[in-house]
Amino acid sequence: MHLGSIQISLIEPKDSYELGNLIRNVLEEMNAPKTGTAYADPYLFDLYTYYNKPKRDYYVIRCNGELLGEVGMEIFPEHRAMSVRFKKCISIKNLEVKE
């Protein structure tokens, strides 16, 4: 993989199912609990719907079209200072970086 070939874009509806599978697979690899984590999130396979609202953004990271990971951000209005929650998940199995 050449670093110049990485694409970062806003989530589209077509990305949701693939992202849900990636997140679930990484959680399983980490032996994460199935309750209390994103594994049980009702929006796991429809992240586009959840993040397609004001003050929320979700970015998809790809290399040569292959999904590498994602980052979701949300601003919570109940805090006086701006609060942003970052969620990321990158599966790095068989990832080789070449200069």
N, C-alpha and C. Protein backbone atom coordinates (compact mmCIF):
# COMPACT_ATOMS: atom_id res chain seq x y z
N MET A 1 0.85 -1.18 0.00
CA MET A 1 0.00 0.00 0.00
C MET A 1 0.89 1.22 0.00
N HIS A 2 0.57 2.17 -0.81
CA HIS A 2 1.27 3.44 -0.85
C HIS A 2 0.40 4.45 -0.12
N LEU A 3 0.99 5.21 0.80
CA LEU A 3 0.20 6.13 1.62
C LEU A 3 -0.54 7.15 0.78
N GLY A 4 -0.05 7.48 -0.40
CA GLY A 4 -0.73 8.44 -1.26
C GLY A 4 -2.04 7.92 -1.81
N SER A 5 -2.31 6.63 -1.65
CA SER A 5 -3.53 6.05 -2.20
C SER A 5 -4.65 5.92 -1.18
N ILE A 6 -4.49 6.53 -0.02
CA ILE A 6 -5.53 6.48 1.01
C ILE A 6 -6.57 7.56 0.75
N GLN A 7 -7.85 7.17 0.79
CA GLN A 7 -8.95 8.10 0.59
C GLN A 7 -9.77 8.18 1.88
N ILE A 8 -10.11 9.41 2.27
CA ILE A 8 -10.97 9.65 3.43
C ILE A 8 -12.19 10.41 2.92
N SER A 9 -13.38 9.88 3.20
CA SER A 9 -14.60 10.52 2.71
C SER A 9 -15.71 10.40 3.74
N LEU A 10 -16.72 11.26 3.60
CA LEU A 10 -17.89 11.15 4.47
C LEU A 10 -18.64 9.86 4.15
N ILE A 11 -19.25 9.29 5.16
CA ILE A 11 -20.00 8.05 4.98
C ILE A 11 -21.15 8.25 3.99
N GLU A 12 -21.41 7.22 3.21
CA GLU A 12 -22.56 7.16 2.31
C GLU A 12 -23.41 5.97 2.72
N PRO A 13 -24.69 5.96 2.35
CA PRO A 13 -25.55 4.83 2.74
C PRO A 13 -24.97 3.47 2.37
N LYS A 14 -24.30 3.38 1.24
CA LYS A 14 -23.75 2.10 0.77
C LYS A 14 -22.61 1.58 1.66
N ASP A 15 -22.03 2.44 2.50
CA ASP A 15 -20.91 2.05 3.36
C ASP A 15 -21.35 1.34 4.64
N SER A 16 -22.58 1.53 5.05
CA SER A 16 -23.02 1.09 6.38
C SER A 16 -22.81 -0.39 6.66
N TYR A 17 -23.21 -1.26 5.74
CA TYR A 17 -23.12 -2.70 6.00
C TYR A 17 -21.66 -3.15 6.09
N GLU A 18 -20.82 -2.65 5.18
CA GLU A 18 -19.41 -3.02 5.19
C GLU A 18 -18.73 -2.53 6.48
N LEU A 19 -19.07 -1.32 6.92
CA LEU A 19 -18.51 -0.79 8.17
C LEU A 19 -18.96 -1.62 9.37
N GLY A 20 -20.22 -1.98 9.40
CA GLY A 20 -20.73 -2.81 10.50
C GLY A 20 -19.97 -4.12 10.60
N ASN A 21 -19.71 -4.75 9.46
CA ASN A 21 -18.94 -5.99 9.45
C ASN A 21 -17.51 -5.78 9.93
N LEU A 22 -16.88 -4.70 9.48
CA LEU A 22 -15.50 -4.41 9.90
C LEU A 22 -15.43 -4.21 11.42
N ILE A 23 -16.32 -3.39 11.94
CA ILE A 23 -16.31 -3.11 13.39
C ILE A 23 -16.57 -4.39 14.18
N ARG A 24 -17.54 -5.16 13.75
CA ARG A 24 -17.87 -6.41 14.46
C ARG A 24 -16.68 -7.38 14.41
N ASN A 25 -16.04 -7.50 13.25
CA ASN A 25 -14.89 -8.41 13.12
C ASN A 25 -13.73 -7.99 14.02
N VAL A 26 -13.44 -6.70 14.07
CA VAL A 26 -12.35 -6.22 14.92
C VAL A 26 -12.68 -6.46 16.39
N LEU A 27 -13.92 -6.21 16.78
CA LEU A 27 -14.32 -6.47 18.17
C LEU A 27 -14.18 -7.95 18.52
N GLU A 28 -14.53 -8.82 17.58
CA GLU A 28 -14.38 -10.26 17.82
C GLU A 28 -12.91 -10.63 17.93
N GLU A 29 -12.05 -10.05 17.07
CA GLU A 29 -10.61 -10.31 17.14
C GLU A 29 -10.04 -9.89 18.49
N MET A 30 -10.60 -8.82 19.07
CA MET A 30 -10.13 -8.30 20.35
C MET A 30 -10.79 -9.01 21.53
N ASN A 31 -11.68 -9.96 21.27
CA ASN A 31 -12.45 -10.64 22.31
C ASN A 31 -13.22 -9.66 23.18
N ALA A 32 -13.73 -8.61 22.56
CA ALA A 32 -14.52 -7.61 23.28
C ALA A 32 -15.87 -8.19 23.67
N PRO A 33 -16.45 -7.72 24.76
CA PRO A 33 -17.77 -8.21 25.16
C PRO A 33 -18.82 -7.85 24.11
N LYS A 34 -19.83 -8.67 23.99
CA LYS A 34 -20.89 -8.40 23.01
C LYS A 34 -21.93 -7.44 23.55
N THR A 35 -21.94 -7.22 24.84
CA THR A 35 -22.85 -6.23 25.42
C THR A 35 -22.02 -5.07 25.96
N GLY A 36 -22.59 -3.89 25.86
CA GLY A 36 -21.90 -2.71 26.36
C GLY A 36 -20.84 -2.17 25.40
N THR A 37 -20.78 -2.70 24.19
CA THR A 37 -19.83 -2.22 23.17
C THR A 37 -20.60 -1.94 21.88
N ALA A 38 -19.89 -1.46 20.89
CA ALA A 38 -20.51 -1.20 19.59
C ALA A 38 -21.11 -2.46 18.98
N TYR A 39 -20.68 -3.63 19.44
CA TYR A 39 -21.20 -4.90 18.93
C TYR A 39 -22.72 -4.96 19.06
N ALA A 40 -23.26 -4.41 20.13
CA ALA A 40 -24.69 -4.45 20.38
C ALA A 40 -25.42 -3.18 19.95
N ASP A 41 -24.71 -2.24 19.35
CA ASP A 41 -25.30 -0.97 18.93
C ASP A 41 -26.37 -1.21 17.87
N PRO A 42 -27.59 -0.71 18.06
CA PRO A 42 -28.65 -0.93 17.07
C PRO A 42 -28.35 -0.26 15.73
N TYR A 43 -27.46 0.71 15.70
CA TYR A 43 -27.09 1.38 14.45
C TYR A 43 -25.83 0.81 13.81
N LEU A 44 -25.29 -0.28 14.33
CA LEU A 44 -24.03 -0.81 13.84
C LEU A 44 -24.03 -1.04 12.33
N PHE A 45 -25.14 -1.48 11.78
CA PHE A 45 -25.21 -1.73 10.34
C PHE A 45 -25.98 -0.64 9.60
N ASP A 46 -26.20 0.48 10.27
CA ASP A 46 -26.84 1.64 9.63
C ASP A 46 -26.23 2.92 10.20
N LEU A 47 -24.92 2.99 10.20
CA LEU A 47 -24.21 4.15 10.75
C LEU A 47 -24.52 5.42 9.99
N TYR A 48 -24.83 5.30 8.71
CA TYR A 48 -25.18 6.48 7.92
C TYR A 48 -26.38 7.20 8.52
N THR A 49 -27.42 6.45 8.88
CA THR A 49 -28.62 7.06 9.46
C THR A 49 -28.30 7.77 10.76
N TYR A 50 -27.51 7.15 11.62
CA TYR A 50 -27.18 7.75 12.92
C TYR A 50 -26.37 9.03 12.74
N TYR A 51 -25.37 9.00 11.88
CA TYR A 51 -24.47 10.15 11.74
C TYR A 51 -24.94 11.19 10.74
N ASN A 52 -26.01 10.95 10.02
CA ASN A 52 -26.53 11.90 9.05
C ASN A 52 -27.47 12.89 9.74
N LYS A 53 -26.95 13.56 10.75
CA LYS A 53 -27.70 14.53 11.55
C LYS A 53 -26.78 15.70 11.87
N PRO A 54 -27.35 16.84 12.25
CA PRO A 54 -26.51 17.99 12.60
C PRO A 54 -25.54 17.65 13.73
N LYS A 55 -24.36 18.21 13.65
CA LYS A 55 -23.30 18.08 14.66
C LYS A 55 -22.77 16.66 14.79
N ARG A 56 -22.91 15.86 13.73
CA ARG A 56 -22.34 14.52 13.68
C ARG A 56 -21.67 14.34 12.32
N ASP A 57 -20.52 13.71 12.32
CA ASP A 57 -19.82 13.38 11.08
C ASP A 57 -19.22 11.99 11.22
N TYR A 58 -19.11 11.32 10.10
CA TYR A 58 -18.55 9.97 10.09
C TYR A 58 -17.73 9.83 8.82
N TYR A 59 -16.47 9.48 8.98
CA TYR A 59 -15.55 9.39 7.85
C TYR A 59 -15.13 7.94 7.63
N VAL A 60 -15.03 7.57 6.37
CA VAL A 60 -14.63 6.24 5.95
C VAL A 60 -13.22 6.35 5.37
N ILE A 61 -12.35 5.42 5.76
CA ILE A 61 -10.97 5.41 5.30
C ILE A 61 -10.76 4.18 4.42
N ARG A 62 -10.31 4.43 3.19
CA ARG A 62 -10.07 3.35 2.23
C ARG A 62 -8.69 3.48 1.61
N CYS A 63 -8.15 2.36 1.16
CA CYS A 63 -6.92 2.34 0.39
C CYS A 63 -7.18 1.49 -0.84
N ASN A 64 -7.04 2.10 -2.00
CA ASN A 64 -7.32 1.39 -3.26
C ASN A 64 -8.70 0.74 -3.24
N GLY A 65 -9.66 1.40 -2.64
CA GLY A 65 -11.02 0.90 -2.58
C GLY A 65 -11.31 -0.04 -1.43
N GLU A 66 -10.28 -0.53 -0.75
CA GLU A 66 -10.47 -1.47 0.36
C GLU A 66 -10.68 -0.71 1.66
N LEU A 67 -11.72 -1.08 2.40
CA LEU A 67 -12.04 -0.43 3.67
C LEU A 67 -10.97 -0.73 4.71
N LEU A 68 -10.40 0.34 5.28
CA LEU A 68 -9.40 0.19 6.34
C LEU A 68 -9.95 0.56 7.70
N GLY A 69 -10.83 1.55 7.76
CA GLY A 69 -11.33 1.97 9.06
C GLY A 69 -12.30 3.12 8.95
N GLU A 70 -12.57 3.73 10.08
CA GLU A 70 -13.59 4.76 10.17
C GLU A 70 -13.36 5.62 11.39
N VAL A 71 -13.91 6.81 11.37
CA VAL A 71 -13.87 7.70 12.52
C VAL A 71 -15.21 8.41 12.59
N GLY A 72 -15.87 8.35 13.74
CA GLY A 72 -17.13 9.06 13.94
C GLY A 72 -16.95 10.16 14.97
N MET A 73 -17.59 11.30 14.74
CA MET A 73 -17.50 12.43 15.67
C MET A 73 -18.88 12.97 15.95
N GLU A 74 -19.11 13.33 17.20
CA GLU A 74 -20.41 13.87 17.59
C GLU A 74 -20.19 14.96 18.63
N ILE A 75 -20.89 16.07 18.49
CA ILE A 75 -20.82 17.17 19.45
C ILE A 75 -22.04 17.06 20.37
N PHE A 76 -21.80 17.01 21.66
CA PHE A 76 -22.86 16.87 22.63
C PHE A 76 -23.27 18.24 23.15
N PRO A 77 -24.51 18.66 22.94
CA PRO A 77 -24.93 20.01 23.32
C PRO A 77 -25.09 20.24 24.82
N GLU A 78 -25.14 19.20 25.62
CA GLU A 78 -25.37 19.38 27.05
C GLU A 78 -24.14 19.92 27.78
N HIS A 79 -23.00 20.00 27.13
CA HIS A 79 -21.80 20.54 27.75
C HIS A 79 -21.57 21.98 27.30
N ARG A 80 -21.10 22.81 28.19
CA ARG A 80 -20.80 24.20 27.81
C ARG A 80 -19.66 24.23 26.81
N ALA A 81 -18.63 23.49 27.07
CA ALA A 81 -17.51 23.42 26.13
C ALA A 81 -17.85 22.38 25.06
N MET A 82 -17.30 22.57 23.90
CA MET A 82 -17.56 21.61 22.83
C MET A 82 -16.93 20.27 23.21
N SER A 83 -17.70 19.24 23.11
CA SER A 83 -17.24 17.89 23.42
C SER A 83 -17.37 17.04 22.18
N VAL A 84 -16.32 16.36 21.83
CA VAL A 84 -16.34 15.52 20.63
C VAL A 84 -15.97 14.11 21.04
N ARG A 85 -16.75 13.16 20.60
CA ARG A 85 -16.47 11.75 20.87
C ARG A 85 -15.86 11.15 19.62
N PHE A 86 -14.72 10.54 19.76
CA PHE A 86 -14.08 9.89 18.63
C PHE A 86 -14.23 8.38 18.79
N LYS A 87 -14.58 7.76 17.72
CA LYS A 87 -14.68 6.30 17.71
C LYS A 87 -13.90 5.85 16.49
N LYS A 88 -12.96 4.96 16.65
CA LYS A 88 -12.22 4.52 15.48
C LYS A 88 -12.01 3.02 15.54
N CYS A 89 -11.81 2.46 14.38
CA CYS A 89 -11.63 1.04 14.27
C CYS A 89 -10.87 0.78 12.98
N ILE A 90 -9.67 0.28 13.09
CA ILE A 90 -8.90 -0.02 11.90
C ILE A 90 -8.37 -1.44 12.02
N SER A 91 -8.73 -2.26 11.08
CA SER A 91 -8.22 -3.61 11.04
C SER A 91 -6.90 -3.57 10.28
N ILE A 92 -5.81 -3.98 10.92
CA ILE A 92 -4.51 -3.86 10.26
C ILE A 92 -3.90 -5.21 9.92
N LYS A 93 -4.70 -6.23 9.87
CA LYS A 93 -4.20 -7.54 9.47
C LYS A 93 -3.70 -7.45 8.03
N ASN A 94 -2.54 -8.02 7.80
CA ASN A 94 -1.95 -8.09 6.45
C ASN A 94 -1.74 -6.71 5.82
N LEU A 95 -1.59 -5.69 6.63
CA LEU A 95 -1.35 -4.35 6.10
C LEU A 95 0.14 -4.13 5.98
N GLU A 96 0.58 -3.83 4.79
CA GLU A 96 2.00 -3.60 4.54
C GLU A 96 2.16 -2.20 3.97
N VAL A 97 2.99 -1.40 4.60
CA VAL A 97 3.22 -0.04 4.12
C VAL A 97 4.55 -0.01 3.38
N LYS A 98 4.54 0.49 2.15
CA LYS A 98 5.75 0.60 1.35
C LYS A 98 6.05 2.05 1.13
N GLU A 99 7.30 2.42 1.18
CA GLU A 99 7.69 3.80 0.92
C GLU A 99 7.91 4.04 -0.55
